[in-house]
Amino acid sequence: MACFDEFAFVVVESLSKDKTLASLGNLQKSMQNFTYESISHSPENLLKRSTRMAEARNAALNLQRSLHPDTDFVYVLDLDGVNRDLTNASVLSCWEFDDWSVMTSNQPLGYYDILALRHDYWCPVDWGVS
């Protein structure tokens, strides 16, 4: 992270059943620039993965905005294992294009999120939810 003058980590956790909360608590105690929040979901949203992801991302963005209102860049990363192939070079590649507002899918072989696709005929409902 030497390429940034200042940086902070804001993590939102939900529904972890392992030692994630303990690990996040330890990180928050040991790192000055680390904050986490654990959120719950309403019963009607528990089965809707895309809604839970949106709730978590919105909570993270709200927490980030409240703690660091003068932030120039926000980097969002899902920590459920899908981004394990990210490298420093792939993250830094996001800043090669200074006229773009958003950069995505910057790891080897890409990252395809069917949940982002919405079309009346191709994908009218949450993928994987019957």
C-alpha atoms as a PDB file:
ATOM      1  CA  MET A   1       0.000   0.000   0.000  1.00  0.00           C
ATOM      2  CA  ALA A   2       2.985   2.294  -0.270  1.00  0.00           C
ATOM      3  CA  CYS A   3       1.485   3.925  -3.378  1.00  0.00           C
ATOM      4  CA  PHE A   4      -1.166   5.709  -1.305  1.00  0.00           C
ATOM      5  CA  ASP A   5      -0.416   8.444   1.224  1.00  0.00           C
ATOM      6  CA  GLU A   6      -3.320   7.358   3.416  1.00  0.00           C
ATOM      7  CA  PHE A   7      -5.616   4.370   3.372  1.00  0.00           C
ATOM      8  CA  ALA A   8      -8.212   2.718   5.568  1.00  0.00           C
ATOM      9  CA  PHE A   9      -9.971  -0.626   5.657  1.00  0.00           C
ATOM     10  CA  VAL A  10     -13.727  -0.745   6.210  1.00  0.00           C
ATOM     11  CA  VAL A  11     -15.181  -4.247   6.407  1.00  0.00           C
ATOM     12  CA  VAL A  12     -18.808  -5.297   6.739  1.00  0.00           C
ATOM     13  CA  GLU A  13     -19.477  -8.859   7.847  1.00  0.00           C
ATOM     14  CA  SER A  14     -22.716 -10.796   7.913  1.00  0.00           C
ATOM     15  CA  LEU A  15     -23.715 -14.368   8.664  1.00  0.00           C
ATOM     16  CA  SER A  16     -20.216 -15.681   9.444  1.00  0.00           C
ATOM     17  CA  LYS A  17     -20.244 -19.020  11.215  1.00  0.00           C
ATOM     18  CA  ASP A  18     -16.504 -19.398  11.748  1.00  0.00           C
ATOM     19  CA  LYS A  19     -13.921 -17.288  13.588  1.00  0.00           C
ATOM     20  CA  THR A  20     -14.346 -14.278  11.303  1.00  0.00           C
ATOM     21  CA  LEU A  21     -15.753 -11.966  14.012  1.00  0.00           C
ATOM     22  CA  ALA A  22     -12.879 -12.740  16.388  1.00  0.00           C
ATOM     23  CA  SER A  23     -10.360 -12.119  13.617  1.00  0.00           C
ATOM     24  CA  LEU A  24     -12.015  -8.831  12.679  1.00  0.00           C
ATOM     25  CA  GLY A  25     -12.034  -7.766  16.322  1.00  0.00           C
ATOM     26  CA  ASN A  26      -8.315  -8.499  16.609  1.00  0.00           C
ATOM     27  CA  LEU A  27      -7.576  -6.544  13.447  1.00  0.00           C
ATOM     28  CA  GLN A  28      -9.586  -3.575  14.687  1.00  0.00           C
ATOM     29  CA  LYS A  29      -7.629  -3.579  17.967  1.00  0.00           C
ATOM     30  CA  SER A  30      -4.248  -3.881  16.283  1.00  0.00           C
ATOM     31  CA  MET A  31      -4.682  -1.628  13.227  1.00  0.00           C
ATOM     32  CA  GLN A  32      -5.382   2.069  13.546  1.00  0.00           C
ATOM     33  CA  ASN A  33      -6.907   2.287  10.069  1.00  0.00           C
ATOM     34  CA  PHE A  34      -9.204  -0.767  10.301  1.00  0.00           C
ATOM     35  CA  THR A  35     -12.909  -0.692  11.161  1.00  0.00           C
ATOM     36  CA  TYR A  36     -15.530  -3.400  10.853  1.00  0.00           C
ATOM     37  CA  GLU A  37     -19.239  -3.693  11.417  1.00  0.00           C
ATOM     38  CA  SER A  38     -21.341  -6.828  11.671  1.00  0.00           C
ATOM     39  CA  ILE A  39     -24.803  -6.512  10.187  1.00  0.00           C
ATOM     40  CA  SER A  40     -27.886  -8.693  10.263  1.00  0.00           C
ATOM     41  CA  HIS A  41     -30.492  -9.123   7.557  1.00  0.00           C
ATOM     42  CA  SER A  42     -34.240  -9.021   7.757  1.00  0.00           C
ATOM     43  CA  PRO A  43     -35.907 -12.463   7.657  1.00  0.00           C
ATOM     44  CA  GLU A  44     -37.366 -11.833   4.188  1.00  0.00           C
ATOM     45  CA  ASN A  45     -33.879 -11.095   2.800  1.00  0.00           C
ATOM     46  CA  LEU A  46     -32.024 -14.058   4.310  1.00  0.00           C
ATOM     47  CA  LEU A  47     -32.645 -16.251   1.254  1.00  0.00           C
ATOM     48  CA  LYS A  48     -31.915 -13.521  -1.291  1.00  0.00           C
ATOM     49  CA  ARG A  49     -28.140 -13.549  -1.790  1.00  0.00           C
ATOM     50  CA  SER A  50     -28.104 -10.522  -4.103  1.00  0.00           C
ATOM     51  CA  THR A  51     -30.123  -8.488  -1.592  1.00  0.00           C
ATOM     52  CA  ARG A  52     -27.780  -9.497   1.253  1.00  0.00           C
ATOM     53  CA  MET A  53     -24.765  -8.515  -0.844  1.00  0.00           C
ATOM     54  CA  ALA A  54     -26.346  -5.157  -1.685  1.00  0.00           C
ATOM     55  CA  GLU A  55     -27.165  -4.548   1.985  1.00  0.00           C
ATOM     56  CA  ALA A  56     -23.581  -5.348   2.992  1.00  0.00           C
ATOM     57  CA  ARG A  57     -22.068  -3.169   0.277  1.00  0.00           C
ATOM     58  CA  ASN A  58     -24.383  -0.273   1.142  1.00  0.00           C
ATOM     59  CA  ALA A  59     -23.542  -0.639   4.839  1.00  0.00           C
ATOM     60  CA  ALA A  60     -19.823  -0.596   3.996  1.00  0.00           C
ATOM     61  CA  LEU A  61     -20.227   2.490   1.842  1.00  0.00           C
ATOM     62  CA  ASN A  62     -22.236   4.279   4.538  1.00  0.00           C
ATOM     63  CA  LEU A  63     -19.637   3.374   7.177  1.00  0.00           C
ATOM     64  CA  GLN A  64     -16.815   4.506   4.899  1.00  0.00           C
ATOM     65  CA  ARG A  65     -18.556   7.820   4.162  1.00  0.00           C
ATOM     66  CA  SER A  66     -19.209   8.498   7.840  1.00  0.00           C
ATOM     67  CA  LEU A  67     -15.646   7.680   8.944  1.00  0.00           C
ATOM     68  CA  HIS A  68     -13.726   8.999   5.928  1.00  0.00           C
ATOM     69  CA  PRO A  69     -15.856  11.647   4.166  1.00  0.00           C
ATOM     70  CA  ASP A  70     -12.952  13.077   2.144  1.00  0.00           C
ATOM     71  CA  THR A  71     -11.989   9.794   0.475  1.00  0.00           C
ATOM     72  CA  ASP A  72     -10.786  10.053  -3.116  1.00  0.00           C
ATOM     73  CA  PHE A  73     -11.097   6.363  -4.062  1.00  0.00           C
ATOM     74  CA  VAL A  74     -13.114   3.422  -2.770  1.00  0.00           C
ATOM     75  CA  TYR A  75     -12.053  -0.138  -3.593  1.00  0.00           C
ATOM     76  CA  VAL A  76     -14.719  -2.782  -2.980  1.00  0.00           C
ATOM     77  CA  LEU A  77     -13.720  -6.398  -2.560  1.00  0.00           C
ATOM     78  CA  ASP A  78     -15.871  -9.419  -1.742  1.00  0.00           C
ATOM     79  CA  LEU A  79     -13.993 -11.467   0.839  1.00  0.00           C
ATOM     80  CA  ASP A  80     -15.731 -14.791   0.329  1.00  0.00           C
ATOM     81  CA  GLY A  81     -12.884 -16.377  -1.617  1.00  0.00           C
ATOM     82  CA  VAL A  82     -13.765 -15.301  -5.142  1.00  0.00           C
ATOM     83  CA  ASN A  83     -10.949 -12.737  -5.262  1.00  0.00           C
ATOM     84  CA  ARG A  84      -8.098 -14.890  -3.975  1.00  0.00           C
ATOM     85  CA  ASP A  85      -6.120 -14.437  -7.215  1.00  0.00           C
ATOM     86  CA  LEU A  86      -5.891 -10.645  -6.966  1.00  0.00           C
ATOM     87  CA  THR A  87      -2.364  -9.270  -7.101  1.00  0.00           C
ATOM     88  CA  ASN A  88      -0.873  -5.872  -6.289  1.00  0.00           C
ATOM     89  CA  ALA A  89      -0.397  -5.318 -10.015  1.00  0.00           C
ATOM     90  CA  SER A  90      -4.050  -6.056 -10.789  1.00  0.00           C
ATOM     91  CA  VAL A  91      -5.238  -3.646  -8.098  1.00  0.00           C
ATOM     92  CA  LEU A  92      -2.858  -0.924  -9.264  1.00  0.00           C
ATOM     93  CA  SER A  93      -4.047  -1.433 -12.845  1.00  0.00           C
ATOM     94  CA  CYS A  94      -7.301   0.285 -11.845  1.00  0.00           C
ATOM     95  CA  TRP A  95      -5.459   3.597 -11.866  1.00  0.00           C
ATOM     96  CA  GLU A  96      -4.068   3.219 -15.395  1.00  0.00           C
ATOM     97  CA  PHE A  97      -7.267   4.741 -16.792  1.00  0.00           C
ATOM     98  CA  ASP A  98      -7.877   8.103 -15.145  1.00  0.00           C
ATOM     99  CA  ASP A  99     -11.011   8.905 -17.156  1.00  0.00           C
ATOM    100  CA  TRP A 100     -13.036   5.935 -15.853  1.00  0.00           C
ATOM    101  CA  SER A 101     -15.415   6.076 -12.876  1.00  0.00           C
ATOM    102  CA  VAL A 102     -15.448   2.325 -12.188  1.00  0.00           C
ATOM    103  CA  MET A 103     -13.019  -0.544 -12.762  1.00  0.00           C
ATOM    104  CA  THR A 104     -13.974  -4.194 -12.250  1.00  0.00           C
ATOM    105  CA  SER A 105     -12.873  -7.760 -12.969  1.00  0.00           C
ATOM    106  CA  ASN A 106      -9.151  -7.281 -12.683  1.00  0.00           C
ATOM    107  CA  GLN A 107      -7.877 -10.713 -11.699  1.00  0.00           C
ATOM    108  CA  PRO A 108      -6.620 -13.577 -13.877  1.00  0.00           C
ATOM    109  CA  LEU A 109      -9.413 -15.227 -15.857  1.00  0.00           C
ATOM    110  CA  GLY A 110     -11.810 -12.488 -14.758  1.00  0.00           C
ATOM    111  CA  TYR A 111     -14.594 -12.512 -12.223  1.00  0.00           C
ATOM    112  CA  TYR A 112     -18.069 -12.912 -13.614  1.00  0.00           C
ATOM    113  CA  ASP A 113     -20.924 -11.954 -11.346  1.00  0.00           C
ATOM    114  CA  ILE A 114     -24.205 -13.224 -12.788  1.00  0.00           C
ATOM    115  CA  LEU A 115     -25.989 -11.376  -9.976  1.00  0.00           C
ATOM    116  CA  ALA A 116     -25.187  -8.086 -11.691  1.00  0.00           C
ATOM    117  CA  LEU A 117     -26.946  -9.186 -14.884  1.00  0.00           C
ATOM    118  CA  ARG A 118     -30.595  -8.279 -15.157  1.00  0.00           C
ATOM    119  CA  HIS A 119     -32.671  -8.779 -18.259  1.00  0.00           C
ATOM    120  CA  ASP A 120     -36.383  -9.394 -18.660  1.00  0.00           C
ATOM    121  CA  TYR A 121     -35.779 -12.657 -20.575  1.00  0.00           C
ATOM    122  CA  TRP A 122     -32.202 -13.812 -19.806  1.00  0.00           C
ATOM    123  CA  CYS A 123     -32.172 -13.337 -16.038  1.00  0.00           C
ATOM    124  CA  PRO A 124     -35.366 -11.889 -14.575  1.00  0.00           C
ATOM    125  CA  VAL A 125     -34.789 -13.246 -11.034  1.00  0.00           C
ATOM    126  CA  ASP A 126     -31.876 -13.790  -8.652  1.00  0.00           C
ATOM    127  CA  TRP A 127     -29.585 -16.430 -10.123  1.00  0.00           C
ATOM    128  CA  GLY A 128     -29.454 -19.584  -8.006  1.00  0.00           C
ATOM    129  CA  VAL A 129     -32.637 -18.779  -6.071  1.00  0.00           C
ATOM    130  CA  SER A 130     -35.768 -20.645  -7.028  1.00  0.00           C
END
